[in-house]
Amino acid sequence: MTPRRGLGRALGPALAGGGALVLAALLVALGVWQLQRREWKHALIAATEARVHAAPVPVPGRTAWPEVSAASDAYRRVAAEGRFLYDRETLVRATTALGSGYWVMTPLQTDDGTVLVNRGFVPPERRDPATRGEERTEGSVRVTGLLRITEPGGGFLRSNDPAADRWYSRDVAAIAARRGLGGTAPFFLDAEAAAGPGRYPVGGLTVVSFPDNHLVYALTWFGLALLALGGAVTVFRHGGAEAAG
């Protein structure tokens, strides 16, 4: 065997084995990253659960609006007082445990501005307020619910169409502009259940759920890393045997 041919036989397995080792290292890094994501997700879930079940705190005032964020405020249980502007409600497409229909978004005029309130769900046949059997309070009311972050753009694979008054997500800024609302908070409230049996809207339907598949992903990456490592060992052994032969 010539030296050049021997070098070629040794170099090929070395490159292949080295590539497999690099791949294994990359897969291990991805697995570790998923474990870190899992810790972050569990902390997020714990924080959210604490907010949802805590005693209500006053809704953030106008000076605090710029600081409101999903990380620190989403699903915080809050209370607000004001007067509902029923004539400016907006219906937003919704799919809930009660079926498909609409969220009823109603502006709440407070002493510190306007806060959009998702008063709850109505089925398609209850779009007309006259069919809901609800008691509307014209004076001041106190609303308790969960603070939600605005949902710009749309949903259900459709974009909101303000001009046609078709809404697929609770886009606070767009709804406020369409309804001529000034000084509107950059978030909305999901109101707790308030209507009696047979009355609409039905509140308290907020679903608090976070997918937590990070451990499965991590185990998958680690499993693939073991396969890559096994491939590297096989290549090196086979290459060594050939070189020795």
Foldseek 3Di string as FASTA:
>chain_A
DDPVVLVVLLVVLVVLLVVLLVLLVVLLVLLVVLVVVLVVVVVQVVVLVCQQPDDAAADDFLVCLVVDDCSPAFFHKHKAKAFWPQVLWAWAWDQFPVGTATFTWIWGQHPRFIATERAAGDHNVCPDVVQFPDDHDGGMDMFIFTKHAADAAADPPDGADLVVRYGHGRHPVSSCVSSVGPRYRRIHGQTCADDDPSGDDGGNGDDDDDDNCSNVSSVVSNVVSVVSNVVSVVSNVVSVVVSVD
